[in-house]
Protein backbone atom coordinates (compact mmCIF):
# COMPACT_ATOMS: atom_id res chain seq x y z
CA MET A 1 89.66 87.32 158.20
CA THR A 2 85.54 88.77 157.48
CA PRO A 3 85.27 92.66 158.51
CA LEU A 4 82.72 91.36 161.35
CA PHE A 5 85.84 89.98 163.18
CA LEU A 6 87.74 92.60 162.36
CA ALA A 7 85.14 95.10 164.33
CA ALA A 8 84.61 92.67 167.12
CA ALA A 9 88.60 92.48 167.21
CA ILE A 10 89.19 96.15 167.40
CA ALA A 11 86.39 97.16 169.93
CA ILE A 12 87.55 94.38 172.02
CA MET A 13 91.07 95.48 172.22
CA MET A 14 90.26 98.96 172.56
CA THR A 15 88.52 97.89 175.86
CA MET A 16 91.14 96.10 176.85
CA ALA A 17 93.43 99.47 176.31
CA LEU A 18 90.87 101.47 178.37
CA ALA A 19 91.53 98.64 181.13
CA LEU A 20 95.31 98.87 181.18
CA CYS A 21 94.91 102.27 181.36
CA ARG A 22 92.69 101.96 184.37
CA ALA A 23 95.37 99.52 186.00
CA LEU A 24 97.84 101.88 185.43
CA LEU A 25 96.00 105.00 186.51
CA GLY A 26 93.63 103.61 189.17
CA PRO A 27 93.46 105.70 192.25
CA SER A 28 93.19 102.61 194.36
CA VAL A 29 94.19 98.91 194.45
CA PHE A 30 91.03 97.79 194.00
CA ASP A 31 90.32 99.79 190.96
CA ARG A 32 93.81 98.38 189.64
CA ILE A 33 92.42 94.70 190.45
CA LEU A 34 89.19 95.20 188.87
CA ALA A 35 91.13 96.40 185.68
CA VAL A 36 93.51 93.33 185.64
CA ASN A 37 90.33 91.05 186.29
CA MET A 38 88.56 92.84 183.46
CA PHE A 39 91.70 92.93 181.01
CA GLY A 40 91.83 89.05 181.73
CA THR A 41 87.95 88.58 180.79
CA LYS A 42 88.44 90.39 177.55
CA ALA A 43 91.61 88.57 176.50
CA VAL A 44 89.32 85.41 176.90
CA LEU A 45 86.46 87.16 175.03
CA LEU A 46 89.12 87.79 172.31
CA VAL A 47 90.53 84.32 172.01
CA ALA A 48 86.97 82.84 172.05
CA THR A 49 86.12 85.28 169.28
CA PHE A 50 88.91 84.23 167.02
CA ALA A 51 88.17 80.36 167.89
CA PHE A 52 84.64 81.45 166.43
CA PHE A 53 85.71 82.99 163.31
CA SER A 54 88.63 80.59 162.79
CA GLY A 55 86.59 77.83 163.02
CA ARG A 56 89.30 76.14 165.74
CA HIS A 57 87.25 75.26 168.58
CA ASP A 58 89.93 73.55 170.43
CA LEU A 59 90.55 77.54 171.62
CA LEU A 60 87.94 77.45 173.83
CA ASP A 61 89.08 75.07 176.03
CA ILE A 62 92.23 77.23 176.77
CA ALA A 63 89.66 80.39 177.15
CA LEU A 64 88.10 78.42 179.61
CA LEU A 65 91.46 77.72 181.35
CA TYR A 66 92.59 81.09 180.89
CA SER A 67 89.23 82.60 182.38
CA LEU A 68 89.71 80.27 185.48
CA LEU A 69 93.50 81.30 186.27
CA ASN A 70 91.94 85.05 185.87
CA PHE A 71 89.31 84.10 188.40
CA VAL A 72 91.64 82.39 190.86
CA GLY A 73 94.42 85.24 190.42
CA VAL A 74 92.05 87.84 191.46
CA ILE A 75 90.73 86.12 194.54
CA ALA A 76 94.24 85.56 195.41
CA ALA A 77 95.44 89.19 194.97
CA LEU A 78 92.22 90.24 196.95
CA ARG A 79 93.09 88.24 199.88
CA LEU A 80 96.56 89.10 199.78
CA VAL A 81 95.54 93.29 199.66
CA GLU A 82 93.09 92.42 202.71
CA ARG A 83 95.41 90.33 204.87
CA GLY A 84 98.00 93.28 204.42
CA LYS A 85 101.78 92.44 205.24
CA PHE A 86 101.97 89.12 203.67
CA PHE A 87 102.09 87.69 207.42
CA ALA A 88 105.59 88.73 207.94
CA GLU A 89 105.23 89.06 211.57
CA ASN A 90 104.10 85.70 212.54
CA LYS A 91 105.32 82.10 211.38
CA SER A 92 101.93 80.68 210.68
CA VAL A 93 98.53 81.58 209.15
CA LEU A 94 96.93 79.98 212.23
CA GLY A 95 99.08 82.08 214.74
CA ALA A 96 98.23 85.27 212.97
CA ARG A 97 94.59 84.62 213.41
CA LEU A 98 95.12 83.66 217.00
CA VAL A 99 96.83 86.98 217.63
CA LYS A 100 94.55 88.97 215.57
CA HIS A 101 91.79 87.55 217.85
CA ALA A 102 93.34 88.03 220.88
CA PRO A 103 92.23 91.19 222.00
CA GLN A 104 88.67 90.65 221.55
CA ALA A 105 88.75 87.77 223.68
CA SER A 106 90.25 90.08 226.60
CA GLN A 107 87.69 92.19 226.10
CA GLN A 108 84.81 89.51 226.55
CA ASN A 109 86.50 88.21 230.31
CA GLU A 110 86.37 92.16 231.15
CA ALA A 111 82.50 92.05 230.96
CA VAL A 112 81.75 89.20 233.29
CA SER A 113 78.98 89.66 235.78
CA PRO A 114 79.88 90.64 239.43
CA GLN A 115 77.90 87.31 240.26
CA SER A 116 80.20 85.02 238.42
CA GLU A 117 83.20 86.99 240.21
CA GLN A 118 81.52 86.05 243.77
CA GLN A 119 81.26 82.41 242.52
CA ASP A 120 84.85 82.08 241.41
CA ASN A 121 85.85 83.37 244.62
CA LYS A 122 83.93 81.10 246.59
CA ASP A 123 85.28 78.37 244.49
CA SER A 124 88.88 79.37 245.03
CA THR A 125 88.47 79.39 248.86
CA ASN A 126 86.64 76.38 248.90
CA ALA A 127 89.49 74.73 247.09
């Protein structure tokens, strides 16, 4: 182990510790998710640094895979926080979207012009 690797590893681990503190103490959920993302990114950097200094370049594939999993996990967590209640009331995602957009459709129907209402009344009397 070279002194340069040790210095880089210690610096990366210090930032990982700070990210872990932010994940535990973050004032909001978004701060915590961002800290977990930062922790994952620093873990990838630590693995890549170890691969470079040890000469084991096969570890870079593992670091790349972990970074992809980190990204997908953060996106999934953000979507879960955005959606709210895990769709507990609805049986399907499509049903949840339809219920969510239903009040907007009724508001658009209330904004019908008087001319179209008269046309509808004429059509109903002629039928």
